[in-house]
Amino acid sequence: MNSYQIGVDLGGTKTEVIVLDSQHRELHRKRIATPRGTDREYESICHAVYHLIRDAAALIPESGTYTVGIGIPGVIAPETGLVINANTTSLMGRPFRLDMENLLETKVEMENDANCFTLAESRRGAGKNYKTVFGIIMGTGCGGGLCMDGQIHRGRHGIAGEWGHFSVDPRGNRCYCGNRGCVETKISGSGVEDAFWEKFDERLPMRDIVDGFRKGEYRCAEVFRQFLDDFGRCLGGLISVLDPDAVVLGGGLSNIEELYTLGVERVKRYAFHPQIHTPILRNELGDSAGVYGAAWIGKK
């Protein structure tokens, strides 16, 4: 009997489904916009994910079996089964896994999206030759995951790797989690854009800030250099605590070339070792990493 894996990557702007066969070959993939901004946003998300999985399952031969894994922008609390720490706030406090299992009438595995990213990159991507890999998603927000020997390390409370909500500046901007100066408020795209607005009373998207830095525009250069310094301080501190064999960067900001040059220089400045040589790697699977990881968490 052939076995298949269905994975769903539920993101803030897009939701993607994939079907893999037992040899990890891709049989089907579809991407839709994540339902946002409605009065019944949670219910809309549930039904959108349900229809993606139902339609994907219909493509699997009747003789085959399949598992389902979903990556979410949050964490399932082991004690209650409810979603916590989700930047898609309509998921907060909801029994999302149970609701999906009831809709689909099958078992569903659910995992933090950064963990799914890290799992995929550890097994098939930039981290495949390393034992302990810390994965970082830097986009609108900032998340992290930890894999050891190709397996997700979740920790006692299921929050291992959640470095995005480590407070590094008690006088910094308030984060949606309730604390101030979290890593996410410093080195995410939205965090850097907010910093520019506070300094210069103008909204500028992250891509324009990066472009302005490269062209020598003084306002962009000031904000971008602070971003690089914050990146170095945050990641240097993490390396000092965890000392992983490799760090893999993902998300839209991972495409900023300066992170692998100027950013690495600042990491070395802040890490507690005179000769840090931790590889800081660009992801190899792109935005496919999360959906691959989601498929693999469901595998029996």
Protein backbone atom coordinates (compact mmCIF):
# COMPACT_ATOMS: atom_id res chain seq x y z
CA MET A 1 0.00 0.00 0.00
CA ASN A 2 1.41 3.38 -1.04
CA SER A 3 1.62 6.16 1.54
CA TYR A 4 1.41 9.88 0.86
CA GLN A 5 1.92 13.03 2.89
CA ILE A 6 -0.27 16.11 2.65
CA GLY A 7 1.27 19.28 4.02
CA VAL A 8 -0.21 22.75 4.47
CA ASP A 9 1.78 25.90 5.16
CA LEU A 10 -0.61 28.45 6.68
CA GLY A 11 0.98 31.88 6.36
CA GLY A 12 -0.12 35.39 7.05
CA THR A 13 -0.65 36.19 3.37
CA LYS A 14 -0.65 32.85 1.54
CA THR A 15 -1.62 29.27 2.29
CA GLU A 16 -0.09 26.40 0.33
CA VAL A 17 -0.79 22.69 0.11
CA ILE A 18 1.47 19.94 -1.21
CA VAL A 19 1.14 16.19 -1.76
CA LEU A 20 4.27 14.03 -1.57
CA ASP A 21 4.59 10.35 -2.32
CA SER A 22 6.63 7.87 -0.27
CA GLN A 23 9.78 8.92 -2.16
CA HIS A 24 9.15 12.61 -1.32
CA ARG A 25 8.24 13.39 -4.91
CA GLU A 26 5.81 16.25 -5.40
CA LEU A 27 2.48 15.18 -6.90
CA HIS A 28 0.39 18.27 -6.33
CA ARG A 29 0.79 21.82 -5.14
CA LYS A 30 -1.64 24.72 -4.84
CA ARG A 31 -1.41 28.16 -3.27
CA ILE A 32 -4.19 30.55 -2.28
CA ALA A 33 -4.43 33.86 -0.43
CA THR A 34 -5.00 33.37 3.30
CA PRO A 35 -8.43 34.70 4.31
CA ARG A 36 -7.85 37.83 6.39
CA GLY A 37 -9.75 40.78 7.75
CA THR A 38 -13.28 39.37 7.90
CA ASP A 39 -15.57 39.22 10.93
CA ARG A 40 -15.31 35.43 10.85
CA GLU A 41 -11.64 35.18 9.92
CA TYR A 42 -10.97 32.04 11.97
CA GLU A 43 -13.87 30.15 10.41
CA SER A 44 -12.78 31.30 6.94
CA ILE A 45 -9.25 30.00 7.56
CA CYS A 46 -10.60 26.64 8.77
CA HIS A 47 -12.73 26.18 5.70
CA ALA A 48 -10.03 27.32 3.29
CA VAL A 49 -7.55 24.82 4.76
CA TYR A 50 -10.20 22.11 4.79
CA HIS A 51 -10.97 22.56 1.09
CA LEU A 52 -7.27 22.57 0.15
CA ILE A 53 -6.72 19.29 1.98
CA ARG A 54 -9.95 17.69 0.76
CA ASP A 55 -9.14 18.51 -2.86
CA ALA A 56 -5.56 17.27 -2.44
CA ALA A 57 -6.73 14.02 -0.84
CA ALA A 58 -9.07 13.41 -3.78
CA LEU A 59 -5.99 13.10 -6.02
CA ILE A 60 -4.55 10.22 -3.98
CA PRO A 61 -5.34 6.73 -5.35
CA GLU A 62 -8.01 4.81 -3.44
CA SER A 63 -5.42 2.17 -2.56
CA GLY A 64 -3.18 4.77 -0.90
CA THR A 65 -3.10 6.11 2.63
CA TYR A 66 -2.07 9.61 3.64
CA THR A 67 -1.13 11.72 6.61
CA VAL A 68 -1.82 15.42 7.19
CA GLY A 69 0.51 18.03 8.68
CA ILE A 70 -0.17 21.75 9.02
CA GLY A 71 2.37 24.46 9.78
CA ILE A 72 0.89 27.45 11.60
CA PRO A 73 2.20 30.88 12.65
CA GLY A 74 1.89 29.96 16.32
CA VAL A 75 2.19 27.11 18.80
CA ILE A 76 -0.23 24.47 20.10
CA ALA A 77 -0.10 24.54 23.91
CA PRO A 78 0.47 20.93 25.06
CA GLU A 79 -1.67 21.43 28.17
CA THR A 80 -4.82 22.74 26.46
CA GLY A 81 -4.52 21.99 22.74
CA LEU A 82 -5.22 25.67 22.04
CA VAL A 83 -3.18 27.95 19.79
CA ILE A 84 -0.90 30.42 21.58
CA ASN A 85 1.71 32.94 20.44
CA ALA A 86 0.16 33.34 16.98
CA ASN A 87 0.78 36.48 14.94
CA THR A 88 -2.36 35.54 13.00
CA THR A 89 -4.28 36.59 16.07
CA SER A 90 -7.63 35.07 15.06
CA LEU A 91 -6.05 31.66 15.79
CA MET A 92 -5.23 32.62 19.37
CA GLY A 93 -7.06 30.58 21.99
CA ARG A 94 -8.71 28.38 19.36
CA PRO A 95 -8.65 24.57 19.19
CA PHE A 96 -7.43 24.71 15.58
CA ARG A 97 -6.04 21.18 15.42
CA LEU A 98 -9.21 19.67 16.91
CA ASP A 99 -11.42 21.71 14.61
CA MET A 100 -9.45 20.55 11.57
CA GLU A 101 -9.57 16.93 12.71
CA ASN A 102 -13.34 17.20 13.10
CA LEU A 103 -13.74 18.74 9.65
CA LEU A 104 -11.44 16.23 7.95
CA GLU A 105 -12.37 13.23 10.09
CA THR A 106 -8.72 12.22 10.30
CA LYS A 107 -5.71 12.79 12.53
CA VAL A 108 -3.84 16.06 11.94
CA GLU A 109 -0.34 16.97 13.14
CA MET A 110 0.27 20.67 13.69
CA GLU A 111 3.55 22.49 14.20
CA ASN A 112 4.97 26.00 14.31
CA ASP A 113 5.82 27.24 10.81
CA ALA A 114 9.42 28.08 11.75
CA ASN A 115 9.85 24.51 13.01
CA CYS A 116 8.53 23.23 9.68
CA PHE A 117 10.98 25.47 7.82
CA THR A 118 13.88 24.29 9.97
CA LEU A 119 12.92 20.63 9.62
CA ALA A 120 12.86 20.89 5.83
CA GLU A 121 16.15 22.75 5.60
CA SER A 122 17.77 20.29 8.04
CA ARG A 123 16.74 17.27 6.01
CA ARG A 124 16.86 18.47 2.43
CA GLY A 125 18.22 22.01 2.38
CA ALA A 126 21.13 24.13 3.50
CA GLY A 127 21.39 22.42 6.90
CA LYS A 128 21.42 18.82 5.72
CA ASN A 129 25.09 18.26 6.59
CA TYR A 130 24.84 19.62 10.13
CA LYS A 131 23.76 17.98 13.39
CA THR A 132 22.22 20.96 15.23
CA VAL A 133 20.51 23.57 13.05
CA PHE A 134 18.81 26.76 14.12
CA GLY A 135 16.41 28.05 11.47
CA ILE A 136 15.29 31.66 11.31
CA ILE A 137 12.38 33.11 9.36
CA MET A 138 12.80 36.84 8.82
CA GLY A 139 9.86 38.41 7.04
CA THR A 140 6.94 40.49 8.23
CA GLY A 141 7.67 38.88 11.62
CA CYS A 142 10.57 36.87 12.95
CA GLY A 143 10.50 33.26 14.15
CA GLY A 144 12.91 30.46 14.86
CA GLY A 145 13.13 26.69 15.13
CA LEU A 146 15.62 24.13 16.33
CA CYS A 147 16.40 20.73 14.81
CA MET A 148 18.78 18.11 16.14
CA ASP A 149 19.69 15.08 14.03
CA GLY A 150 16.92 15.96 11.59
CA GLN A 151 14.23 16.07 14.29
CA ILE A 152 12.39 19.07 15.70
CA HIS A 153 13.35 19.90 19.27
CA ARG A 154 10.23 21.39 20.87
CA GLY A 155 11.23 21.82 24.50
CA ARG A 156 9.14 21.39 27.62
CA HIS A 157 6.48 23.92 26.61
CA GLY A 158 6.69 23.48 22.85
CA ILE A 159 8.35 26.88 22.38
CA ALA A 160 11.99 25.93 21.73
CA GLY A 161 13.42 28.27 19.12
CA GLU A 162 10.97 31.14 19.74
CA TRP A 163 13.76 33.69 19.77
CA GLY A 164 11.54 36.27 18.04
CA HIS A 165 9.94 37.01 21.39
CA PHE A 166 13.08 37.35 23.45
CA SER A 167 13.08 40.90 24.74
CA VAL A 168 16.37 42.62 23.94
CA ASP A 169 15.30 46.22 24.60
CA PRO A 170 12.91 46.96 27.50
CA ARG A 171 12.52 50.52 26.19
CA GLY A 172 11.75 49.35 22.67
CA ASN A 173 8.48 49.18 20.77
CA ARG A 174 5.65 47.12 22.18
CA CYS A 175 5.27 43.72 20.51
CA TYR A 176 1.91 42.05 19.89
CA CYS A 177 2.93 39.47 22.52
CA GLY A 178 2.73 42.21 25.16
CA ASN A 179 6.45 42.69 25.82
CA ARG A 180 8.67 45.51 24.60
CA GLY A 181 11.71 45.36 22.36
CA CYS A 182 11.35 41.74 21.23
CA VAL A 183 13.76 40.48 18.56
CA GLU A 184 10.79 40.58 16.16
CA THR A 185 10.36 44.33 16.67
CA LYS A 186 14.03 44.86 15.75
CA ILE A 187 14.87 42.68 12.76
CA SER A 188 11.59 41.91 11.01
CA GLY A 189 10.48 43.85 7.95
CA SER A 190 7.65 45.49 9.87
CA GLY A 191 10.00 46.34 12.74
CA VAL A 192 12.51 48.09 10.48
CA GLU A 193 9.71 49.95 8.68
CA ASP A 194 8.35 51.12 12.05
CA ALA A 195 11.83 52.31 13.06
CA PHE A 196 12.06 54.39 9.87
CA TRP A 197 8.63 55.91 10.48
CA GLU A 198 9.47 56.82 14.07
CA LYS A 199 12.72 58.53 13.07
CA PHE A 200 11.58 60.33 9.94
CA ASP A 201 7.76 60.42 10.10
CA GLU A 202 7.47 58.64 6.76
CA ARG A 203 6.36 55.16 5.82
CA LEU A 204 8.83 53.35 3.59
CA PRO A 205 8.70 49.65 2.70
CA MET A 206 11.65 47.46 3.64
CA ARG A 207 12.73 46.95 0.03
CA ASP A 208 13.01 50.71 -0.44
CA ILE A 209 15.01 51.06 2.78
CA VAL A 210 17.46 48.42 1.55
CA ASP A 211 17.66 50.05 -1.87
CA GLY A 212 18.17 53.46 -0.30
CA PHE A 213 21.02 52.13 1.84
CA ARG A 214 22.75 50.78 -1.26
CA LYS A 215 22.37 54.15 -2.99
CA GLY A 216 23.75 56.03 -0.01
CA GLU A 217 20.53 57.78 1.08
CA TYR A 218 21.37 58.93 4.61
CA ARG A 219 18.03 58.13 6.29
CA CYS A 220 17.91 54.62 4.87
CA ALA A 221 21.58 54.10 5.73
CA GLU A 222 20.99 55.07 9.36
CA VAL A 223 18.03 52.73 9.81
CA PHE A 224 19.60 49.87 7.85
CA ARG A 225 22.86 50.01 9.80
CA GLN A 226 20.85 49.80 13.01
CA PHE A 227 19.05 46.76 11.56
CA LEU A 228 22.39 45.08 10.85
CA ASP A 229 23.63 45.88 14.35
CA ASP A 230 20.43 44.49 15.90
CA PHE A 231 20.78 41.37 13.74
CA GLY A 232 24.33 40.87 14.97
CA ARG A 233 23.43 41.43 18.61
CA CYS A 234 20.40 39.12 18.53
CA LEU A 235 22.01 36.30 16.57
CA GLY A 236 25.36 36.66 18.32
CA GLY A 237 23.63 36.26 21.66
CA LEU A 238 21.73 33.22 20.44
CA ILE A 239 24.92 31.57 19.19
CA SER A 240 26.55 32.26 22.57
CA VAL A 241 23.72 30.39 24.33
CA LEU A 242 22.98 27.57 21.87
CA ASP A 243 26.18 27.24 19.81
CA PRO A 244 24.47 25.49 16.86
CA ASP A 245 26.41 23.78 14.11
CA ALA A 246 24.70 26.01 11.51
CA VAL A 247 22.11 28.76 11.19
CA VAL A 248 19.80 28.86 8.16
CA LEU A 249 17.98 32.05 7.21
CA GLY A 250 14.59 32.05 5.52
CA GLY A 251 11.79 34.49 4.78
CA GLY A 252 11.86 37.52 2.53
CA LEU A 253 14.64 39.30 4.41
CA SER A 254 16.96 36.31 3.95
CA ASN A 255 17.50 37.57 0.40
CA ILE A 256 19.31 40.68 1.68
CA GLU A 257 22.90 40.05 0.60
CA GLU A 258 24.38 42.28 3.31
CA LEU A 259 23.24 39.88 6.03
CA TYR A 260 25.89 37.38 4.86
CA THR A 261 28.68 39.95 4.88
CA LEU A 262 28.11 43.00 7.08
CA GLY A 263 25.58 41.11 9.18
CA VAL A 264 27.97 38.23 9.83
CA GLU A 265 30.65 40.72 10.88
CA ARG A 266 28.31 42.06 13.53
CA VAL A 267 27.36 38.58 14.70
CA LYS A 268 31.06 37.92 15.31
CA ARG A 269 31.31 41.17 17.27
CA TYR A 270 28.55 40.19 19.70
CA ALA A 271 29.03 36.42 20.08
CA PHE A 272 30.98 35.29 23.14
CA HIS A 273 33.91 33.72 21.31
CA PRO A 274 36.96 35.36 19.72
CA GLN A 275 36.73 33.35 16.48
CA ILE A 276 33.10 32.55 15.68
CA HIS A 277 32.83 30.48 12.51
CA THR A 278 29.22 29.31 12.70
CA PRO A 279 27.93 28.99 9.10
CA ILE A 280 25.10 31.46 8.53
CA LEU A 281 23.45 30.09 5.42
CA ARG A 282 20.81 31.16 2.96
CA ASN A 283 18.01 28.60 2.66
CA GLU A 284 18.02 26.25 -0.33
CA LEU A 285 14.33 25.37 -0.52
CA GLY A 286 12.97 28.91 -0.72
CA ASP A 287 9.35 29.37 0.26
CA SER A 288 8.80 25.66 -0.37
CA ALA A 289 10.56 24.75 2.88
CA GLY A 290 7.56 25.34 5.13
CA VAL A 291 5.14 23.22 3.14
CA TYR A 292 7.65 20.35 2.82
CA GLY A 293 8.25 20.44 6.57
CA ALA A 294 4.49 20.43 7.20
CA ALA A 295 4.10 17.30 5.08
CA TRP A 296 6.89 15.56 6.95
CA ILE A 297 5.53 16.30 10.45
CA GLY A 298 2.44 14.32 9.54
CA LYS A 299 4.37 11.26 8.40
CA LYS A 300 3.83 8.23 10.63
